[in-house]
C-alpha atoms as a PDB file:
ATOM      1  CA  UNK A   1      83.224  96.729  81.651  1.00  0.00           C
ATOM      2  CA  UNK A   2      83.541 100.469  80.995  1.00  0.00           C
ATOM      3  CA  UNK A   3      83.733 101.293  77.302  1.00  0.00           C
ATOM      4  CA  UNK A   4      85.295 104.597  76.195  1.00  0.00           C
ATOM      5  CA  UNK A   5      83.491 106.606  73.550  1.00  0.00           C
ATOM      6  CA  UNK A   6      86.733 107.177  71.605  1.00  0.00           C
ATOM      7  CA  UNK A   7      90.422 106.231  71.695  1.00  0.00           C
ATOM      8  CA  UNK A   8      92.210 109.068  69.880  1.00  0.00           C
ATOM      9  CA  UNK A   9      94.266 111.045  72.368  1.00  0.00           C
ATOM     10  CA  UNK A  10      93.159 114.682  72.758  1.00  0.00           C
ATOM     11  CA  UNK A  11      95.721 117.495  72.497  1.00  0.00           C
ATOM     12  CA  UNK A  12      98.026 117.574  75.489  1.00  0.00           C
ATOM     13  CA  UNK A  13      97.532 113.872  76.314  1.00  0.00           C
ATOM     14  CA  UNK A  14     100.191 111.231  75.709  1.00  0.00           C
ATOM     15  CA  UNK A  15     101.094 107.673  76.601  1.00  0.00           C
ATOM     16  CA  UNK A  16     103.870 107.180  79.131  1.00  0.00           C
ATOM     17  CA  UNK A  17     105.282 104.640  81.568  1.00  0.00           C
ATOM     18  CA  UNK A  18     105.849 105.402  85.231  1.00  0.00           C
ATOM     19  CA  UNK A  19     108.877 103.611  86.652  1.00  0.00           C
ATOM     20  CA  UNK A  20     107.993 102.500  90.153  1.00  0.00           C
ATOM     21  CA  UNK A  21     110.268 100.781  92.654  1.00  0.00           C
ATOM     22  CA  UNK A  22     109.257  97.277  91.512  1.00  0.00           C
ATOM     23  CA  UNK A  23     108.649  97.936  87.790  1.00  0.00           C
ATOM     24  CA  UNK A  24     106.580  99.969  85.297  1.00  0.00           C
ATOM     25  CA  UNK A  25     102.923 100.929  85.101  1.00  0.00           C
ATOM     26  CA  UNK A  26     101.361 102.297  81.921  1.00  0.00           C
ATOM     27  CA  UNK A  27      99.701 105.693  82.064  1.00  0.00           C
ATOM     28  CA  UNK A  28      98.085 108.504  80.139  1.00  0.00           C
ATOM     29  CA  UNK A  29      99.557 111.874  81.093  1.00  0.00           C
ATOM     30  CA  UNK A  30      97.639 115.090  80.373  1.00  0.00           C
ATOM     31  CA  UNK A  31      99.083 118.600  80.528  1.00  0.00           C
ATOM     32  CA  UNK A  32      97.496 121.940  79.607  1.00  0.00           C
ATOM     33  CA  UNK A  33      97.923 122.842  75.951  1.00  0.00           C
ATOM     34  CA  UNK A  34      98.666 126.398  77.097  1.00  0.00           C
ATOM     35  CA  UNK A  35      99.739 127.809  80.434  1.00  0.00           C
ATOM     36  CA  UNK A  36     101.432 126.095  83.355  1.00  0.00           C
ATOM     37  CA  UNK A  37     100.577 123.498  85.958  1.00  0.00           C
ATOM     38  CA  UNK A  38     100.378 125.656  89.057  1.00  0.00           C
ATOM     39  CA  UNK A  39      97.555 123.596  90.572  1.00  0.00           C
ATOM     40  CA  UNK A  40      97.911 120.278  92.413  1.00  0.00           C
ATOM     41  CA  UNK A  41      98.045 117.283  90.039  1.00  0.00           C
ATOM     42  CA  UNK A  42      95.510 114.453  89.942  1.00  0.00           C
ATOM     43  CA  UNK A  43      95.729 110.665  89.663  1.00  0.00           C
ATOM     44  CA  UNK A  44      92.816 108.613  88.276  1.00  0.00           C
ATOM     45  CA  UNK A  45      92.345 104.888  89.037  1.00  0.00           C
ATOM     46  CA  UNK A  46      90.099 102.668  86.894  1.00  0.00           C
ATOM     47  CA  UNK A  47      87.671  99.953  87.918  1.00  0.00           C
ATOM     48  CA  UNK A  48      87.577  96.177  87.536  1.00  0.00           C
ATOM     49  CA  UNK A  49      88.338  95.018  83.947  1.00  0.00           C
ATOM     50  CA  UNK A  50      88.874  98.693  83.056  1.00  0.00           C
ATOM     51  CA  UNK A  51      91.918 100.746  82.116  1.00  0.00           C
ATOM     52  CA  UNK A  52      93.283 104.271  81.899  1.00  0.00           C
ATOM     53  CA  UNK A  53      91.328 104.798  78.662  1.00  0.00           C
ATOM     54  CA  UNK A  54      88.107 104.902  80.688  1.00  0.00           C
ATOM     55  CA  UNK A  55      89.119 108.475  81.612  1.00  0.00           C
ATOM     56  CA  UNK A  56      90.170 109.590  78.145  1.00  0.00           C
ATOM     57  CA  UNK A  57      87.178 111.927  77.712  1.00  0.00           C
ATOM     58  CA  UNK A  58      88.056 113.762  80.947  1.00  0.00           C
ATOM     59  CA  UNK A  59      91.784 114.246  80.612  1.00  0.00           C
ATOM     60  CA  UNK A  60      92.058 117.300  78.392  1.00  0.00           C
ATOM     61  CA  UNK A  61      89.392 119.337  80.170  1.00  0.00           C
ATOM     62  CA  UNK A  62      90.767 118.452  83.613  1.00  0.00           C
ATOM     63  CA  UNK A  63      94.282 119.440  82.579  1.00  0.00           C
ATOM     64  CA  UNK A  64      93.178 122.715  80.976  1.00  0.00           C
ATOM     65  CA  UNK A  65      92.330 124.051  84.440  1.00  0.00           C
ATOM     66  CA  UNK A  66      96.078 124.201  85.063  1.00  0.00           C
ATOM     67  CA  UNK A  67      97.142 120.840  86.426  1.00  0.00           C
ATOM     68  CA  UNK A  68      98.824 117.607  85.401  1.00  0.00           C
ATOM     69  CA  UNK A  69      96.410 114.659  85.295  1.00  0.00           C
ATOM     70  CA  UNK A  70      97.590 111.049  85.148  1.00  0.00           C
ATOM     71  CA  UNK A  71      95.418 107.968  84.587  1.00  0.00           C
ATOM     72  CA  UNK A  72      97.112 104.625  85.206  1.00  0.00           C
ATOM     73  CA  UNK A  73      96.629 100.979  84.366  1.00  0.00           C
ATOM     74  CA  UNK A  74      96.723  99.010  87.603  1.00  0.00           C
ATOM     75  CA  UNK A  75      99.312  96.182  87.690  1.00  0.00           C
ATOM     76  CA  UNK A  76      98.259  93.357  85.402  1.00  0.00           C
ATOM     77  CA  UNK A  77      95.630  95.501  83.668  1.00  0.00           C
ATOM     78  CA  UNK A  78      95.817  96.243  79.939  1.00  0.00           C
ATOM     79  CA  UNK A  79      99.338  97.603  79.307  1.00  0.00           C
ATOM     80  CA  UNK A  80     100.761  97.427  82.824  1.00  0.00           C
ATOM     81  CA  UNK A  81     102.682  94.140  82.999  1.00  0.00           C
ATOM     82  CA  UNK A  82     101.475  91.359  85.201  1.00  0.00           C
ATOM     83  CA  UNK A  83     103.421  91.083  88.425  1.00  0.00           C
ATOM     84  CA  UNK A  84     104.148  87.424  87.722  1.00  0.00           C
ATOM     85  CA  UNK A  85     106.180  88.534  84.668  1.00  0.00           C
ATOM     86  CA  UNK A  86     108.447  90.939  86.588  1.00  0.00           C
ATOM     87  CA  UNK A  87     111.759  90.475  88.352  1.00  0.00           C
ATOM     88  CA  UNK A  88     112.096  93.292  90.893  1.00  0.00           C
ATOM     89  CA  UNK A  89     115.412  94.933  91.761  1.00  0.00           C
ATOM     90  CA  UNK A  90     117.349  93.315  94.617  1.00  0.00           C
ATOM     91  CA  UNK A  91     115.784  94.059  97.976  1.00  0.00           C
ATOM     92  CA  UNK A  92     112.453  95.193  96.500  1.00  0.00           C
ATOM     93  CA  UNK A  93     109.371  93.082  97.186  1.00  0.00           C
ATOM     94  CA  UNK A  94     106.839  92.655  94.422  1.00  0.00           C
ATOM     95  CA  UNK A  95     103.308  93.766  95.296  1.00  0.00           C
ATOM     96  CA  UNK A  96     100.455  91.361  94.762  1.00  0.00           C
ATOM     97  CA  UNK A  97      96.990  92.036  93.380  1.00  0.00           C
ATOM     98  CA  UNK A  98      95.259  92.470  96.731  1.00  0.00           C
ATOM     99  CA  UNK A  99      93.648  95.762  97.685  1.00  0.00           C
ATOM    100  CA  UNK A 100      96.220  96.781 100.271  1.00  0.00           C
ATOM    101  CA  UNK A 101      99.071  96.091  97.872  1.00  0.00           C
ATOM    102  CA  UNK A 102      97.398  97.954  94.994  1.00  0.00           C
ATOM    103  CA  UNK A 103      96.835 100.858  97.373  1.00  0.00           C
ATOM    104  CA  UNK A 104     100.576 101.042  98.002  1.00  0.00           C
ATOM    105  CA  UNK A 105     101.190 101.034  94.236  1.00  0.00           C
ATOM    106  CA  UNK A 106      98.814 103.992  93.836  1.00  0.00           C
ATOM    107  CA  UNK A 107     100.546 105.788  96.713  1.00  0.00           C
ATOM    108  CA  UNK A 108     103.856 105.402  94.894  1.00  0.00           C
ATOM    109  CA  UNK A 109     102.262 106.731  91.704  1.00  0.00           C
ATOM    110  CA  UNK A 110     100.941 109.745  93.621  1.00  0.00           C
ATOM    111  CA  UNK A 111     104.324 110.423  95.173  1.00  0.00           C
ATOM    112  CA  UNK A 112     105.951 110.367  91.746  1.00  0.00           C
ATOM    113  CA  UNK A 113     103.304 112.479  90.014  1.00  0.00           C
ATOM    114  CA  UNK A 114     103.171 115.009  92.821  1.00  0.00           C
ATOM    115  CA  UNK A 115     106.932 114.985  93.448  1.00  0.00           C
ATOM    116  CA  UNK A 116     106.141 114.442  97.116  1.00  0.00           C
ATOM    117  CA  UNK A 117     103.430 117.117  97.249  1.00  0.00           C
ATOM    118  CA  UNK A 118      99.652 116.700  97.618  1.00  0.00           C
ATOM    119  CA  UNK A 119      97.695 114.991  94.834  1.00  0.00           C
ATOM    120  CA  UNK A 120      93.963 114.753  94.085  1.00  0.00           C
ATOM    121  CA  UNK A 121      92.989 111.072  93.894  1.00  0.00           C
ATOM    122  CA  UNK A 122      89.964 109.680  92.029  1.00  0.00           C
ATOM    123  CA  UNK A 123      88.960 106.014  92.113  1.00  0.00           C
ATOM    124  CA  UNK A 124      86.209 104.595  89.895  1.00  0.00           C
ATOM    125  CA  UNK A 125      84.301 101.505  91.129  1.00  0.00           C
ATOM    126  CA  UNK A 126      86.922  98.903  92.187  1.00  0.00           C
ATOM    127  CA  UNK A 127      89.424 101.733  91.800  1.00  0.00           C
ATOM    128  CA  UNK A 128      87.568 103.484  94.606  1.00  0.00           C
ATOM    129  CA  UNK A 129      88.364 100.573  96.921  1.00  0.00           C
ATOM    130  CA  UNK A 130      92.001 100.758  95.820  1.00  0.00           C
ATOM    131  CA  UNK A 131      92.070 104.527  96.319  1.00  0.00           C
ATOM    132  CA  UNK A 132      90.608 104.089  99.792  1.00  0.00           C
ATOM    133  CA  UNK A 133      93.546 101.827 100.649  1.00  0.00           C
ATOM    134  CA  UNK A 134      95.950 104.435  99.298  1.00  0.00           C
ATOM    135  CA  UNK A 135      94.286 107.148 101.384  1.00  0.00           C
ATOM    136  CA  UNK A 136      94.717 104.991 104.490  1.00  0.00           C
ATOM    137  CA  UNK A 137      98.449 104.663 103.852  1.00  0.00           C
ATOM    138  CA  UNK A 138     100.256 106.947 106.265  1.00  0.00           C
ATOM    139  CA  UNK A 139     102.545 108.405 103.617  1.00  0.00           C
ATOM    140  CA  UNK A 140      99.766 109.108 101.117  1.00  0.00           C
ATOM    141  CA  UNK A 141     100.197 112.729  99.858  1.00  0.00           C
ATOM    142  CA  UNK A 142      96.483 113.531  99.452  1.00  0.00           C
ATOM    143  CA  UNK A 143      94.957 116.853  98.424  1.00  0.00           C
ATOM    144  CA  UNK A 144      91.487 115.279  98.133  1.00  0.00           C
ATOM    145  CA  UNK A 145      89.786 111.939  97.583  1.00  0.00           C
ATOM    146  CA  UNK A 146      86.911 111.236  95.182  1.00  0.00           C
ATOM    147  CA  UNK A 147      85.083 107.899  95.218  1.00  0.00           C
ATOM    148  CA  UNK A 148      83.251 107.567  91.904  1.00  0.00           C
ATOM    149  CA  UNK A 149      80.510 104.933  91.678  1.00  0.00           C
ATOM    150  CA  UNK A 150      82.166 102.961  94.455  1.00  0.00           C
ATOM    151  CA  UNK A 151      80.865 101.601  97.734  1.00  0.00           C
ATOM    152  CA  UNK A 152      81.647 101.000 101.384  1.00  0.00           C
ATOM    153  CA  UNK A 153      82.213  97.252 101.114  1.00  0.00           C
ATOM    154  CA  UNK A 154      81.599  94.235  98.863  1.00  0.00           C
ATOM    155  CA  UNK A 155      79.858  94.531  95.527  1.00  0.00           C
ATOM    156  CA  UNK A 156      76.373  93.010  95.549  1.00  0.00           C
ATOM    157  CA  UNK A 157      73.506  92.282  93.161  1.00  0.00           C
ATOM    158  CA  UNK A 158      73.904  91.408  89.487  1.00  0.00           C
ATOM    159  CA  UNK A 159      77.425  92.786  89.372  1.00  0.00           C
ATOM    160  CA  UNK A 160      78.473  90.407  92.128  1.00  0.00           C
ATOM    161  CA  UNK A 161      76.923  87.469  90.269  1.00  0.00           C
ATOM    162  CA  UNK A 162      78.860  88.342  87.103  1.00  0.00           C
ATOM    163  CA  UNK A 163      82.047  88.686  89.139  1.00  0.00           C
ATOM    164  CA  UNK A 164      81.540  85.269  90.766  1.00  0.00           C
ATOM    165  CA  UNK A 165      80.998  83.759  87.331  1.00  0.00           C
ATOM    166  CA  UNK A 166      84.291  85.236  86.133  1.00  0.00           C
ATOM    167  CA  UNK A 167      86.134  83.789  89.133  1.00  0.00           C
ATOM    168  CA  UNK A 168      84.606  80.388  88.438  1.00  0.00           C
ATOM    169  CA  UNK A 169      85.606  80.577  84.798  1.00  0.00           C
ATOM    170  CA  UNK A 170      89.215  81.605  85.513  1.00  0.00           C
ATOM    171  CA  UNK A 171      90.255  80.209  88.875  1.00  0.00           C
ATOM    172  CA  UNK A 172      91.042  76.685  87.653  1.00  0.00           C
ATOM    173  CA  UNK A 173      93.108  77.959  84.730  1.00  0.00           C
ATOM    174  CA  UNK A 174      94.162  81.608  85.134  1.00  0.00           C
ATOM    175  CA  UNK A 175      96.020  81.757  81.825  1.00  0.00           C
ATOM    176  CA  UNK A 176      96.171  83.990  78.764  1.00  0.00           C
ATOM    177  CA  UNK A 177      94.710  81.160  76.696  1.00  0.00           C
ATOM    178  CA  UNK A 178      91.696  80.952  79.011  1.00  0.00           C
ATOM    179  CA  UNK A 179      91.178  84.723  78.701  1.00  0.00           C
ATOM    180  CA  UNK A 180      91.070  84.397  74.913  1.00  0.00           C
ATOM    181  CA  UNK A 181      88.548  81.575  75.215  1.00  0.00           C
ATOM    182  CA  UNK A 182      86.347  83.637  77.527  1.00  0.00           C
ATOM    183  CA  UNK A 183      86.439  86.578  75.157  1.00  0.00           C
ATOM    184  CA  UNK A 184      85.336  84.379  72.257  1.00  0.00           C
ATOM    185  CA  UNK A 185      82.704  82.533  74.309  1.00  0.00           C
ATOM    186  CA  UNK A 186      81.209  85.389  76.300  1.00  0.00           C
ATOM    187  CA  UNK A 187      82.630  88.878  76.275  1.00  0.00           C
ATOM    188  CA  UNK A 188      82.718  89.539  72.533  1.00  0.00           C
ATOM    189  CA  UNK A 189      78.972  88.924  72.329  1.00  0.00           C
ATOM    190  CA  UNK A 190      78.421  91.255  75.285  1.00  0.00           C
ATOM    191  CA  UNK A 191      80.512  93.968  73.632  1.00  0.00           C
ATOM    192  CA  UNK A 192      78.705  93.586  70.309  1.00  0.00           C
ATOM    193  CA  UNK A 193      75.362  93.913  72.104  1.00  0.00           C
ATOM    194  CA  UNK A 194      76.407  97.450  73.050  1.00  0.00           C
ATOM    195  CA  UNK A 195      76.834  98.234  69.339  1.00  0.00           C
ATOM    196  CA  UNK A 196      80.493  99.185  69.596  1.00  0.00           C
ATOM    197  CA  UNK A 197      82.340  99.692  66.322  1.00  0.00           C
ATOM    198  CA  UNK A 198      85.188  97.508  64.993  1.00  0.00           C
ATOM    199  CA  UNK A 199      87.959  99.732  66.398  1.00  0.00           C
ATOM    200  CA  UNK A 200      86.468  99.760  69.885  1.00  0.00           C
ATOM    201  CA  UNK A 201      85.731  96.036  69.726  1.00  0.00           C
ATOM    202  CA  UNK A 202      89.391  95.374  68.905  1.00  0.00           C
ATOM    203  CA  UNK A 203      90.462  97.596  71.806  1.00  0.00           C
ATOM    204  CA  UNK A 204      88.153  95.842  74.291  1.00  0.00           C
ATOM    205  CA  UNK A 205      89.479  92.469  73.184  1.00  0.00           C
ATOM    206  CA  UNK A 206      93.103  93.595  73.472  1.00  0.00           C
ATOM    207  CA  UNK A 207      92.481  95.072  76.927  1.00  0.00           C
ATOM    208  CA  UNK A 208      90.857  91.895  78.210  1.00  0.00           C
ATOM    209  CA  UNK A 209      93.187  89.270  76.751  1.00  0.00           C
ATOM    210  CA  UNK A 210      96.358  91.273  77.530  1.00  0.00           C
ATOM    211  CA  UNK A 211      95.461  91.586  81.195  1.00  0.00           C
ATOM    212  CA  UNK A 212      96.758  89.135  83.774  1.00  0.00           C
ATOM    213  CA  UNK A 213      94.257  86.360  84.417  1.00  0.00           C
ATOM    214  CA  UNK A 214      95.619  86.007  87.957  1.00  0.00           C
ATOM    215  CA  UNK A 215      95.116  89.752  88.507  1.00  0.00           C
ATOM    216  CA  UNK A 216      91.488  89.472  87.394  1.00  0.00           C
ATOM    217  CA  UNK A 217      90.859  86.593  89.803  1.00  0.00           C
ATOM    218  CA  UNK A 218      92.474  88.324  92.794  1.00  0.00           C
ATOM    219  CA  UNK A 219      90.778  91.657  92.085  1.00  0.00           C
ATOM    220  CA  UNK A 220      87.418  89.926  91.650  1.00  0.00           C
ATOM    221  CA  UNK A 221      87.856  88.132  94.966  1.00  0.00           C
ATOM    222  CA  UNK A 222      88.551  91.422  96.735  1.00  0.00           C
ATOM    223  CA  UNK A 223      85.676  93.135  94.944  1.00  0.00           C
ATOM    224  CA  UNK A 224      83.388  90.525  96.503  1.00  0.00           C
ATOM    225  CA  UNK A 225      85.111  90.435  99.881  1.00  0.00           C
ATOM    226  CA  UNK A 226      86.157  94.032 100.544  1.00  0.00           C
ATOM    227  CA  UNK A 227      85.783  95.015 104.201  1.00  0.00           C
ATOM    228  CA  UNK A 228      83.906  98.156 105.202  1.00  0.00           C
ATOM    229  CA  UNK A 229      86.654 100.646 106.103  1.00  0.00           C
ATOM    230  CA  UNK A 230      84.562 103.795 105.887  1.00  0.00           C
ATOM    231  CA  UNK A 231      84.917 104.674 109.565  1.00  0.00           C
ATOM    232  CA  UNK A 232      88.710 104.458 109.266  1.00  0.00           C
ATOM    233  CA  UNK A 233      88.631 106.578 106.123  1.00  0.00           C
ATOM    234  CA  UNK A 234      86.489 109.192 107.859  1.00  0.00           C
ATOM    235  CA  UNK A 235      89.439 109.826 110.189  1.00  0.00           C
ATOM    236  CA  UNK A 236      91.654 110.849 107.251  1.00  0.00           C
ATOM    237  CA  UNK A 237      91.535 114.639 107.289  1.00  0.00           C
ATOM    238  CA  UNK A 238      91.207 115.481 103.594  1.00  0.00           C
ATOM    239  CA  UNK A 239      88.270 116.787 101.546  1.00  0.00           C
ATOM    240  CA  UNK A 240      86.187 113.934 100.156  1.00  0.00           C
ATOM    241  CA  UNK A 241      83.636 113.649  97.362  1.00  0.00           C
ATOM    242  CA  UNK A 242      81.248 110.779  96.637  1.00  0.00           C
ATOM    243  CA  UNK A 243      80.124 111.001  93.006  1.00  0.00           C
ATOM    244  CA  UNK A 244      77.874 108.645  91.053  1.00  0.00           C
ATOM    245  CA  UNK A 245      75.487 108.551  88.118  1.00  0.00           C
ATOM    246  CA  UNK A 246      71.789 108.749  88.899  1.00  0.00           C
ATOM    247  CA  UNK A 247      71.319 105.367  87.176  1.00  0.00           C
ATOM    248  CA  UNK A 248      74.347 103.643  88.706  1.00  0.00           C
ATOM    249  CA  UNK A 249      73.571  99.928  88.998  1.00  0.00           C
ATOM    250  CA  UNK A 250      76.622  98.650  90.898  1.00  0.00           C
ATOM    251  CA  UNK A 251      76.594  99.496  94.603  1.00  0.00           C
ATOM    252  CA  UNK A 252      73.059 100.540  95.677  1.00  0.00           C
ATOM    253  CA  UNK A 253      72.648 104.312  95.672  1.00  0.00           C
ATOM    254  CA  UNK A 254      71.489 104.204  99.291  1.00  0.00           C
ATOM    255  CA  UNK A 255      74.804 102.578 100.242  1.00  0.00           C
ATOM    256  CA  UNK A 256      76.736 105.300  98.441  1.00  0.00           C
ATOM    257  CA  UNK A 257      74.639 108.001 100.125  1.00  0.00           C
ATOM    258  CA  UNK A 258      75.244 106.394 103.506  1.00  0.00           C
ATOM    259  CA  UNK A 259      78.963 106.212 102.781  1.00  0.00           C
ATOM    260  CA  UNK A 260      79.048 109.912 101.952  1.00  0.00           C
ATOM    261  CA  UNK A 261      77.292 110.730 105.213  1.00  0.00           C
ATOM    262  CA  UNK A 262      79.634 108.573 107.284  1.00  0.00           C
ATOM    263  CA  UNK A 263      82.649 110.151 105.583  1.00  0.00           C
ATOM    264  CA  UNK A 264      81.381 113.693 106.005  1.00  0.00           C
ATOM    265  CA  UNK A 265      81.878 113.909 102.249  1.00  0.00           C
ATOM    266  CA  UNK A 266      80.201 116.032  99.644  1.00  0.00           C
ATOM    267  CA  UNK A 267      77.768 114.016  97.493  1.00  0.00           C
ATOM    268  CA  UNK A 268      77.193 114.694  93.818  1.00  0.00           C
ATOM    269  CA  UNK A 269      74.777 112.865  91.509  1.00  0.00           C
ATOM    270  CA  UNK A 270      75.443 113.108  87.755  1.00  0.00           C
ATOM    271  CA  UNK A 271      72.150 113.333  85.828  1.00  0.00           C
ATOM    272  CA  UNK A 272      71.634 110.903  82.974  1.00  0.00           C
ATOM    273  CA  UNK A 273      74.696 108.806  83.824  1.00  0.00           C
ATOM    274  CA  UNK A 274      74.988 105.250  85.046  1.00  0.00           C
ATOM    275  CA  UNK A 275      78.009 103.434  86.447  1.00  0.00           C
ATOM    276  CA  UNK A 276      80.550 105.328  84.319  1.00  0.00           C
ATOM    277  CA  UNK A 277      79.854 109.096  84.414  1.00  0.00           C
ATOM    278  CA  UNK A 278      83.453 109.563  83.263  1.00  0.00           C
ATOM    279  CA  UNK A 279      82.318 108.028  79.945  1.00  0.00           C
ATOM    280  CA  UNK A 280      78.602 108.826  79.860  1.00  0.00           C
ATOM    281  CA  UNK A 281      78.709 112.449  81.044  1.00  0.00           C
ATOM    282  CA  UNK A 282      82.343 113.586  80.781  1.00  0.00           C
ATOM    283  CA  UNK A 283      81.664 117.335  80.636  1.00  0.00           C
ATOM    284  CA  UNK A 284      79.521 117.295  83.776  1.00  0.00           C
ATOM    285  CA  UNK A 285      81.970 115.008  85.564  1.00  0.00           C
ATOM    286  CA  UNK A 286      85.002 117.071  84.564  1.00  0.00           C
ATOM    287  CA  UNK A 287      83.328 120.296  85.669  1.00  0.00           C
ATOM    288  CA  UNK A 288      82.356 118.754  89.016  1.00  0.00           C
ATOM    289  CA  UNK A 289      85.855 117.447  89.701  1.00  0.00           C
ATOM    290  CA  UNK A 290      87.539 120.702  88.690  1.00  0.00           C
ATOM    291  CA  UNK A 291      85.201 122.768  90.874  1.00  0.00           C
ATOM    292  CA  UNK A 292      85.755 120.446  93.836  1.00  0.00           C
ATOM    293  CA  UNK A 293      89.527 120.451  93.420  1.00  0.00           C
ATOM    294  CA  UNK A 294      89.743 124.216  92.950  1.00  0.00           C
ATOM    295  CA  UNK A 295      87.613 124.816  96.013  1.00  0.00           C
ATOM    296  CA  UNK A 296      89.719 122.523  98.196  1.00  0.00           C
ATOM    297  CA  UNK A 297      92.898 124.257  97.038  1.00  0.00           C
ATOM    298  CA  UNK A 298      91.479 127.746  97.628  1.00  0.00           C
ATOM    299  CA  UNK A 299      90.493 126.738 101.173  1.00  0.00           C
ATOM    300  CA  UNK A 300      93.998 125.422 101.740  1.00  0.00           C
ATOM    301  CA  UNK A 301      95.527 128.743 100.683  1.00  0.00           C
ATOM    302  CA  UNK A 302      93.487 130.794 103.148  1.00  0.00           C
END
């Protein structure tokens, strides 16, 4: 799981809720501390077992370029309520936790953040698979798409083994009580091994046990069973960036390179970072995203 370096909100960043057609999603909204938001806004989507806080080190610097930046909790993650707890308005169908459904949720977020105009979309890890689904939605108002430490299809290797173990541990009893048991039995020890302090340990526990157990199972299943839709995505005519840390240990780097080539996307490797350059190298990652976004917007104005 991604672990932020800090939790205090930088200047210009605040908690908010976005009211979507079916219910709320929790978000962090960043605005410039001075100047306006004349540039296209951005939406950031976290990975499996992650949350909007995984982007907290990027938000202020991204916004200072002159744009609104919004990081969301996917449904059933951290502070976004589980879909099984919601009663939608009459005539509105609840989404589920599958990739296609989450993609439609992100599309609705983009439409709200951008007020119908184009939005830069960034998906980290599993969030990249979700963002891909959003980009393939016909009504998706995209200015650009960045896939960060994500891949063309199913997760493999050690990450896949851990994900299968989580499914096995939850699928028979996807309950809040079982999440608390798993934290005590397994995940607290893992967090302590990374030498996180008491405040961060409490946050990681809250994020895990407050998430929907059913959401974790469904997302894990799709993380292991995601189809390769790269060729379809290549037909979407928007600028694309494939970005990953040089030590990323999730999808093989060769797979990410191949995905970039098939997409006709720019490829950027963040030195010294692993699977979470948004946490491990925020200044480099923020600079890369801002440069990419500014360049795509300047091309569009020509």
